[in-house]
Amino acid sequence: MRIDIISVLPELLESPFSHSILKRAKAKGLLEINVHHLRQYSTFKHQQVDDYQFGGGAGMVMMMEPLVNAIEDLQKQVAYDEVIYLTPDGKTLDQRMANGLSLKGNLLMICGHYKGIDERFREHFVTMEISIGDFVLSGGELAAAVLVDSIGRLLPGVLNDETSALFDSFQDNLLAPPVYTRPEDFRGWKVPEILLSGDHRKIDEWRHDEAMKRTKDRRPDLLKKQ
């Protein structure tokens, strides 16, 4: 998979893509991530990429020309399955969306900044608009990092145990069950006996029951989606 990201602050994305699972995915050649500085596509003397909004009001708006220059230049190199704009008023990211995007080949992500981007770019170039929650960030870079991580870990071969992602929270609209590791007894706090039994059928049943209990207690809204 190839993911291109257009940003006015590409340095914000250096660390998230240089460690842990995403670093491993890139090293294995399973994921290519390219971050492009929007200012290099500006034709203004001082590489301006924003301007005042028509009609007045607080906040600057990212201009059409640099964005269009960027996407048209990149489209000469690759055909994108989706052009994604990270924005608070987009569709909220969930596991099903991440699953679907992980099956794509090439993605382009636009990181908004300032007051947002010119609406005409959204109308003519953007194919998906995604939010990571009902709150506002200073820019779309952190949201892009979250989105890339949620997609990248699902790619076949990225995780050491490929079945691990199948049991993550939200995969079946349930939260993940409790997990334990050694020692079996710590200060009198013991691991549930069923997990030490070796009976995998009963363990699976226990995990499902615990997932149901946790979901009912913490996120009952998820059960309505089943």
C-alpha atoms as a PDB file:
ATOM      1  CA  MET A   1       0.000   0.000   0.000  1.00  0.00           C
ATOM      2  CA  ARG A   2       1.075   3.546  -0.727  1.00  0.00           C
ATOM      3  CA  ILE A   3      -0.102   6.514   1.332  1.00  0.00           C
ATOM      4  CA  ASP A   4       0.714  10.099   0.368  1.00  0.00           C
ATOM      5  CA  ILE A   5       0.040  12.945   2.781  1.00  0.00           C
ATOM      6  CA  ILE A   6      -0.094  16.648   1.945  1.00  0.00           C
ATOM      7  CA  SER A   7       0.716  18.885   4.914  1.00  0.00           C
ATOM      8  CA  VAL A   8       1.884  22.378   5.806  1.00  0.00           C
ATOM      9  CA  LEU A   9       3.731  20.943   8.828  1.00  0.00           C
ATOM     10  CA  PRO A  10       5.260  17.661   7.625  1.00  0.00           C
ATOM     11  CA  GLU A  11       7.701  17.576  10.560  1.00  0.00           C
ATOM     12  CA  LEU A  12       4.767  16.708  12.837  1.00  0.00           C
ATOM     13  CA  LEU A  13       4.558  13.339  11.110  1.00  0.00           C
ATOM     14  CA  GLU A  14       8.201  12.315  11.336  1.00  0.00           C
ATOM     15  CA  SER A  15       8.012  10.526  14.703  1.00  0.00           C
ATOM     16  CA  PRO A  16       4.711   8.623  14.315  1.00  0.00           C
ATOM     17  CA  PHE A  17       5.939   6.935  11.154  1.00  0.00           C
ATOM     18  CA  SER A  18       9.452   6.179  12.399  1.00  0.00           C
ATOM     19  CA  HIS A  19       8.733   3.770  15.234  1.00  0.00           C
ATOM     20  CA  SER A  20       6.939   0.584  16.240  1.00  0.00           C
ATOM     21  CA  ILE A  21       4.497  -1.137  13.892  1.00  0.00           C
ATOM     22  CA  LEU A  22       4.553   1.463  11.110  1.00  0.00           C
ATOM     23  CA  LYS A  23       8.341   1.413  11.030  1.00  0.00           C
ATOM     24  CA  ARG A  24       8.181  -2.362  10.689  1.00  0.00           C
ATOM     25  CA  ALA A  25       5.582  -2.136   7.934  1.00  0.00           C
ATOM     26  CA  LYS A  26       7.790   0.226   5.941  1.00  0.00           C
ATOM     27  CA  ALA A  27      10.903  -1.881   6.524  1.00  0.00           C
ATOM     28  CA  LYS A  28       9.106  -4.948   5.178  1.00  0.00           C
ATOM     29  CA  GLY A  29       8.043  -3.041   2.087  1.00  0.00           C
ATOM     30  CA  LEU A  30       4.372  -3.501   2.961  1.00  0.00           C
ATOM     31  CA  LEU A  31       3.619   0.189   3.394  1.00  0.00           C
ATOM     32  CA  GLU A  32       5.053   3.242   1.665  1.00  0.00           C
ATOM     33  CA  ILE A  33       4.380   6.609   3.324  1.00  0.00           C
ATOM     34  CA  ASN A  34       5.288   9.871   1.617  1.00  0.00           C
ATOM     35  CA  VAL A  35       4.705  13.241   3.271  1.00  0.00           C
ATOM     36  CA  HIS A  36       4.641  16.231   0.897  1.00  0.00           C
ATOM     37  CA  HIS A  37       5.125  19.828   2.009  1.00  0.00           C
ATOM     38  CA  LEU A  38       2.284  21.894   0.556  1.00  0.00           C
ATOM     39  CA  ARG A  39       4.411  25.039   0.404  1.00  0.00           C
ATOM     40  CA  GLN A  40       6.583  23.548  -2.334  1.00  0.00           C
ATOM     41  CA  TYR A  41       3.520  23.728  -4.582  1.00  0.00           C
ATOM     42  CA  SER A  42       2.879  27.425  -3.942  1.00  0.00           C
ATOM     43  CA  THR A  43       3.610  29.900  -6.758  1.00  0.00           C
ATOM     44  CA  PHE A  44       3.774  32.859  -4.355  1.00  0.00           C
ATOM     45  CA  LYS A  45       7.097  34.499  -3.520  1.00  0.00           C
ATOM     46  CA  HIS A  46       6.960  33.516   0.145  1.00  0.00           C
ATOM     47  CA  GLN A  47       5.320  30.139  -0.481  1.00  0.00           C
ATOM     48  CA  GLN A  48       1.971  31.358   0.794  1.00  0.00           C
ATOM     49  CA  VAL A  49      -0.718  28.651   1.026  1.00  0.00           C
ATOM     50  CA  ASP A  50      -3.529  30.490   2.867  1.00  0.00           C
ATOM     51  CA  ASP A  51      -5.530  33.694   2.534  1.00  0.00           C
ATOM     52  CA  TYR A  52      -8.415  35.602   4.109  1.00  0.00           C
ATOM     53  CA  GLN A  53     -11.865  34.114   3.640  1.00  0.00           C
ATOM     54  CA  PHE A  54     -14.443  35.783   1.425  1.00  0.00           C
ATOM     55  CA  GLY A  55     -17.253  37.376   3.403  1.00  0.00           C
ATOM     56  CA  GLY A  56     -15.006  38.207   6.321  1.00  0.00           C
ATOM     57  CA  GLY A  57     -14.590  36.351   9.585  1.00  0.00           C
ATOM     58  CA  ALA A  58     -11.768  35.077  11.744  1.00  0.00           C
ATOM     59  CA  GLY A  59      -9.301  32.516  10.479  1.00  0.00           C
ATOM     60  CA  MET A  60      -7.361  31.942   7.279  1.00  0.00           C
ATOM     61  CA  VAL A  61      -8.312  29.436   4.574  1.00  0.00           C
ATOM     62  CA  MET A  62      -6.026  27.108   2.636  1.00  0.00           C
ATOM     63  CA  MET A  63      -6.064  28.196  -1.004  1.00  0.00           C
ATOM     64  CA  MET A  64      -7.087  26.164  -4.041  1.00  0.00           C
ATOM     65  CA  GLU A  65      -3.997  26.663  -6.194  1.00  0.00           C
ATOM     66  CA  PRO A  66      -1.323  25.004  -4.014  1.00  0.00           C
ATOM     67  CA  LEU A  67      -3.654  22.108  -3.206  1.00  0.00           C
ATOM     68  CA  VAL A  68      -4.583  21.552  -6.837  1.00  0.00           C
ATOM     69  CA  ASN A  69      -0.949  21.837  -7.917  1.00  0.00           C
ATOM     70  CA  ALA A  70      -0.028  19.210  -5.346  1.00  0.00           C
ATOM     71  CA  ILE A  71      -2.711  16.683  -6.169  1.00  0.00           C
ATOM     72  CA  GLU A  72      -2.353  17.027  -9.930  1.00  0.00           C
ATOM     73  CA  ASP A  73       1.407  16.554  -9.679  1.00  0.00           C
ATOM     74  CA  LEU A  74       0.994  13.443  -7.519  1.00  0.00           C
ATOM     75  CA  GLN A  75      -1.717  12.010  -9.767  1.00  0.00           C
ATOM     76  CA  LYS A  76       0.816  11.974 -12.596  1.00  0.00           C
ATOM     77  CA  GLN A  77       2.703   9.353 -10.588  1.00  0.00           C
ATOM     78  CA  VAL A  78      -0.074   7.281  -9.029  1.00  0.00           C
ATOM     79  CA  ALA A  79      -3.804   6.649  -9.278  1.00  0.00           C
ATOM     80  CA  TYR A  80      -5.494   7.030  -5.888  1.00  0.00           C
ATOM     81  CA  ASP A  81      -8.326   4.854  -4.672  1.00  0.00           C
ATOM     82  CA  GLU A  82      -9.377   7.584  -2.249  1.00  0.00           C
ATOM     83  CA  VAL A  83      -8.503  11.237  -1.649  1.00  0.00           C
ATOM     84  CA  ILE A  84      -9.166  11.757   2.051  1.00  0.00           C
ATOM     85  CA  TYR A  85      -9.588  15.094   3.811  1.00  0.00           C
ATOM     86  CA  LEU A  86      -9.094  14.989   7.598  1.00  0.00           C
ATOM     87  CA  THR A  87     -11.739  17.317   9.029  1.00  0.00           C
ATOM     88  CA  PRO A  88     -13.884  17.582  12.189  1.00  0.00           C
ATOM     89  CA  ASP A  89     -17.066  17.512  10.093  1.00  0.00           C
ATOM     90  CA  GLY A  90     -16.153  14.280   8.305  1.00  0.00           C
ATOM     91  CA  LYS A  91     -17.510  10.802   8.979  1.00  0.00           C
ATOM     92  CA  THR A  92     -16.188   9.494  12.292  1.00  0.00           C
ATOM     93  CA  LEU A  93     -13.416   6.923  11.933  1.00  0.00           C
ATOM     94  CA  ASP A  94     -14.298   3.455  13.190  1.00  0.00           C
ATOM     95  CA  GLN A  95     -12.862  -0.037  12.840  1.00  0.00           C
ATOM     96  CA  ARG A  96     -15.060  -0.941   9.888  1.00  0.00           C
ATOM     97  CA  MET A  97     -13.797   2.094   7.996  1.00  0.00           C
ATOM     98  CA  ALA A  98     -10.183   1.209   8.818  1.00  0.00           C
ATOM     99  CA  ASN A  99     -10.795  -2.361   7.632  1.00  0.00           C
ATOM    100  CA  GLY A 100     -12.165  -1.139   4.328  1.00  0.00           C
ATOM    101  CA  LEU A 101      -9.349   1.318   3.712  1.00  0.00           C
ATOM    102  CA  SER A 102      -6.732  -1.346   4.488  1.00  0.00           C
ATOM    103  CA  LEU A 103      -7.942  -3.189   1.367  1.00  0.00           C
ATOM    104  CA  LYS A 104      -7.185  -0.233  -0.891  1.00  0.00           C
ATOM    105  CA  GLY A 105      -3.995   0.183  -2.876  1.00  0.00           C
ATOM    106  CA  ASN A 106      -3.177   3.897  -2.857  1.00  0.00           C
ATOM    107  CA  LEU A 107      -4.487   6.647  -0.591  1.00  0.00           C
ATOM    108  CA  LEU A 108      -3.935  10.406  -0.565  1.00  0.00           C
ATOM    109  CA  MET A 109      -4.588  12.328   2.655  1.00  0.00           C
ATOM    110  CA  ILE A 110      -5.025  16.089   2.937  1.00  0.00           C
ATOM    111  CA  CYS A 111      -4.235  17.661   6.307  1.00  0.00           C
ATOM    112  CA  GLY A 112      -6.334  20.718   6.917  1.00  0.00           C
ATOM    113  CA  HIS A 113      -5.007  23.741   8.797  1.00  0.00           C
ATOM    114  CA  TYR A 114      -6.074  27.226   9.790  1.00  0.00           C
ATOM    115  CA  LYS A 115      -9.858  27.565   9.264  1.00  0.00           C
ATOM    116  CA  GLY A 116      -9.909  24.732   6.727  1.00  0.00           C
ATOM    117  CA  ILE A 117      -9.543  24.383   2.977  1.00  0.00           C
ATOM    118  CA  ASP A 118     -11.387  26.071   0.131  1.00  0.00           C
ATOM    119  CA  GLU A 119     -14.749  24.309  -0.278  1.00  0.00           C
ATOM    120  CA  ARG A 120     -14.242  23.979  -4.017  1.00  0.00           C
ATOM    121  CA  PHE A 121     -11.324  21.628  -3.455  1.00  0.00           C
ATOM    122  CA  ARG A 122     -13.528  19.445  -1.278  1.00  0.00           C
ATOM    123  CA  GLU A 123     -16.220  19.403  -3.949  1.00  0.00           C
ATOM    124  CA  HIS A 124     -13.992  18.549  -6.906  1.00  0.00           C
ATOM    125  CA  PHE A 125     -11.111  16.464  -5.546  1.00  0.00           C
ATOM    126  CA  VAL A 126     -11.942  14.909  -2.170  1.00  0.00           C
ATOM    127  CA  THR A 127     -13.642  11.494  -2.189  1.00  0.00           C
ATOM    128  CA  MET A 128     -13.762  10.839   1.583  1.00  0.00           C
ATOM    129  CA  GLU A 129     -13.895  13.139   4.598  1.00  0.00           C
ATOM    130  CA  ILE A 130     -12.867  11.600   7.925  1.00  0.00           C
ATOM    131  CA  SER A 131     -12.917  12.824  11.522  1.00  0.00           C
ATOM    132  CA  ILE A 132     -11.239  11.045  14.434  1.00  0.00           C
ATOM    133  CA  GLY A 133     -13.704  12.474  16.958  1.00  0.00           C
ATOM    134  CA  ASP A 134     -15.954  15.314  17.977  1.00  0.00           C
ATOM    135  CA  PHE A 135     -13.216  17.777  18.828  1.00  0.00           C
ATOM    136  CA  VAL A 136     -10.976  20.211  16.983  1.00  0.00           C
ATOM    137  CA  LEU A 137      -7.210  19.891  16.558  1.00  0.00           C
ATOM    138  CA  SER A 138      -4.765  22.546  15.376  1.00  0.00           C
ATOM    139  CA  GLY A 139      -4.355  20.661  12.112  1.00  0.00           C
ATOM    140  CA  GLY A 140      -4.998  17.369  10.384  1.00  0.00           C
ATOM    141  CA  GLU A 141      -1.519  15.916  10.891  1.00  0.00           C
ATOM    142  CA  LEU A 142      -2.254  14.079  14.145  1.00  0.00           C
ATOM    143  CA  ALA A 143      -5.529  12.814  12.707  1.00  0.00           C
ATOM    144  CA  ALA A 144      -3.650  11.548   9.639  1.00  0.00           C
ATOM    145  CA  ALA A 145      -1.185   9.734  11.896  1.00  0.00           C
ATOM    146  CA  VAL A 146      -4.060   8.045  13.727  1.00  0.00           C
ATOM    147  CA  LEU A 147      -5.696   7.045  10.452  1.00  0.00           C
ATOM    148  CA  VAL A 148      -2.478   5.666   8.955  1.00  0.00           C
ATOM    149  CA  ASP A 149      -1.754   3.664  12.102  1.00  0.00           C
ATOM    150  CA  SER A 150      -5.259   2.198  12.189  1.00  0.00           C
ATOM    151  CA  ILE A 151      -4.885   1.105   8.552  1.00  0.00           C
ATOM    152  CA  GLY A 152      -1.237   0.056   8.511  1.00  0.00           C
ATOM    153  CA  ARG A 153      -1.492  -2.449  11.358  1.00  0.00           C
ATOM    154  CA  LEU A 154      -4.173  -4.339   9.403  1.00  0.00           C
ATOM    155  CA  LEU A 155      -2.017  -5.013   6.359  1.00  0.00           C
ATOM    156  CA  PRO A 156      -1.146  -8.718   5.982  1.00  0.00           C
ATOM    157  CA  GLY A 157       2.347  -9.422   7.295  1.00  0.00           C
ATOM    158  CA  VAL A 158       2.671  -6.278   9.422  1.00  0.00           C
ATOM    159  CA  LEU A 159       1.859  -7.835  12.795  1.00  0.00           C
ATOM    160  CA  ASN A 160       3.968 -10.766  13.959  1.00  0.00           C
ATOM    161  CA  ASP A 161       0.764 -12.652  14.743  1.00  0.00           C
ATOM    162  CA  GLU A 162      -1.652 -11.826  11.927  1.00  0.00           C
ATOM    163  CA  THR A 163      -4.613 -13.121  13.930  1.00  0.00           C
ATOM    164  CA  SER A 164      -4.009 -10.496  16.617  1.00  0.00           C
ATOM    165  CA  ALA A 165      -5.867  -7.744  14.768  1.00  0.00           C
ATOM    166  CA  LEU A 166      -8.913  -9.980  14.439  1.00  0.00           C
ATOM    167  CA  PHE A 167      -9.443  -9.819  18.194  1.00  0.00           C
ATOM    168  CA  ASP A 168      -8.990  -6.073  18.637  1.00  0.00           C
ATOM    169  CA  SER A 169     -11.745  -3.981  20.138  1.00  0.00           C
ATOM    170  CA  PHE A 170     -14.480  -3.004  17.672  1.00  0.00           C
ATOM    171  CA  GLN A 171     -13.696  -5.720  15.111  1.00  0.00           C
ATOM    172  CA  ASP A 172     -17.034  -7.402  15.885  1.00  0.00           C
ATOM    173  CA  ASN A 173     -18.652  -4.380  17.546  1.00  0.00           C
ATOM    174  CA  LEU A 174     -17.434  -5.616  20.912  1.00  0.00           C
ATOM    175  CA  LEU A 175     -14.735  -4.275  23.193  1.00  0.00           C
ATOM    176  CA  ALA A 176     -11.801  -6.620  23.758  1.00  0.00           C
ATOM    177  CA  PRO A 177     -11.967  -8.872  26.842  1.00  0.00           C
ATOM    178  CA  PRO A 178      -9.534  -8.541  29.776  1.00  0.00           C
ATOM    179  CA  VAL A 179      -6.011  -9.883  29.197  1.00  0.00           C
ATOM    180  CA  TYR A 180      -3.437 -11.210  31.676  1.00  0.00           C
ATOM    181  CA  THR A 181       0.210 -12.291  31.694  1.00  0.00           C
ATOM    182  CA  ARG A 182       2.749 -13.679  34.174  1.00  0.00           C
ATOM    183  CA  PRO A 183       2.946 -14.031  37.107  1.00  0.00           C
ATOM    184  CA  GLU A 184      -0.218 -16.039  37.732  1.00  0.00           C
ATOM    185  CA  ASP A 185      -0.433 -14.666  41.276  1.00  0.00           C
ATOM    186  CA  PHE A 186       0.722 -11.133  42.114  1.00  0.00           C
ATOM    187  CA  ARG A 187       0.131  -9.955  45.678  1.00  0.00           C
ATOM    188  CA  GLY A 188      -2.798 -12.331  45.879  1.00  0.00           C
ATOM    189  CA  TRP A 189      -4.377 -10.975  42.692  1.00  0.00           C
ATOM    190  CA  LYS A 190      -4.846 -14.087  40.597  1.00  0.00           C
ATOM    191  CA  VAL A 191      -5.414 -14.764  36.929  1.00  0.00           C
ATOM    192  CA  PRO A 192      -8.851 -16.313  36.244  1.00  0.00           C
ATOM    193  CA  GLU A 193      -8.568 -20.106  36.466  1.00  0.00           C
ATOM    194  CA  ILE A 194     -10.233 -20.652  33.105  1.00  0.00           C
ATOM    195  CA  LEU A 195      -7.276 -19.023  31.322  1.00  0.00           C
ATOM    196  CA  LEU A 196      -4.926 -21.583  32.884  1.00  0.00           C
ATOM    197  CA  SER A 197      -7.106 -24.576  32.047  1.00  0.00           C
ATOM    198  CA  GLY A 198      -5.808 -25.271  28.547  1.00  0.00           C
ATOM    199  CA  ASP A 199      -9.408 -25.774  27.348  1.00  0.00           C
ATOM    200  CA  HIS A 200      -9.435 -23.447  24.343  1.00  0.00           C
ATOM    201  CA  ARG A 201     -13.149 -23.831  23.658  1.00  0.00           C
ATOM    202  CA  LYS A 202     -14.049 -22.755  27.177  1.00  0.00           C
ATOM    203  CA  ILE A 203     -11.447 -19.979  27.053  1.00  0.00           C
ATOM    204  CA  ASP A 204     -12.998 -18.642  23.832  1.00  0.00           C
ATOM    205  CA  GLU A 205     -16.442 -18.751  25.447  1.00  0.00           C
ATOM    206  CA  TRP A 206     -15.128 -16.913  28.517  1.00  0.00           C
ATOM    207  CA  ARG A 207     -13.508 -14.243  26.382  1.00  0.00           C
ATOM    208  CA  HIS A 208     -16.683 -13.718  24.400  1.00  0.00           C
ATOM    209  CA  ASP A 209     -18.759 -13.443  27.579  1.00  0.00           C
ATOM    210  CA  GLU A 210     -16.303 -10.979  29.091  1.00  0.00           C
ATOM    211  CA  ALA A 211     -16.276  -8.935  25.893  1.00  0.00           C
ATOM    212  CA  MET A 212     -20.065  -8.786  25.991  1.00  0.00           C
ATOM    213  CA  LYS A 213     -20.055  -7.718  29.644  1.00  0.00           C
ATOM    214  CA  ARG A 214     -17.436  -5.027  29.069  1.00  0.00           C
ATOM    215  CA  THR A 215     -19.224  -3.687  26.006  1.00  0.00           C
ATOM    216  CA  LYS A 216     -22.600  -3.615  27.777  1.00  0.00           C
ATOM    217  CA  ASP A 217     -21.036  -1.749  30.686  1.00  0.00           C
ATOM    218  CA  ARG A 218     -18.805   0.707  28.822  1.00  0.00           C
ATOM    219  CA  ARG A 219     -20.135   1.035  25.272  1.00  0.00           C
ATOM    220  CA  PRO A 220     -23.731  -0.261  25.080  1.00  0.00           C
ATOM    221  CA  ASP A 221     -24.193   1.714  21.868  1.00  0.00           C
ATOM    222  CA  LEU A 222     -21.982  -0.812  20.067  1.00  0.00           C
ATOM    223  CA  LEU A 223     -24.415  -3.648  20.779  1.00  0.00           C
ATOM    224  CA  LYS A 224     -27.092  -1.820  18.773  1.00  0.00           C
ATOM    225  CA  LYS A 225     -24.907  -2.186  15.668  1.00  0.00           C
ATOM    226  CA  GLN A 226     -24.891  -5.985  15.810  1.00  0.00           C
END
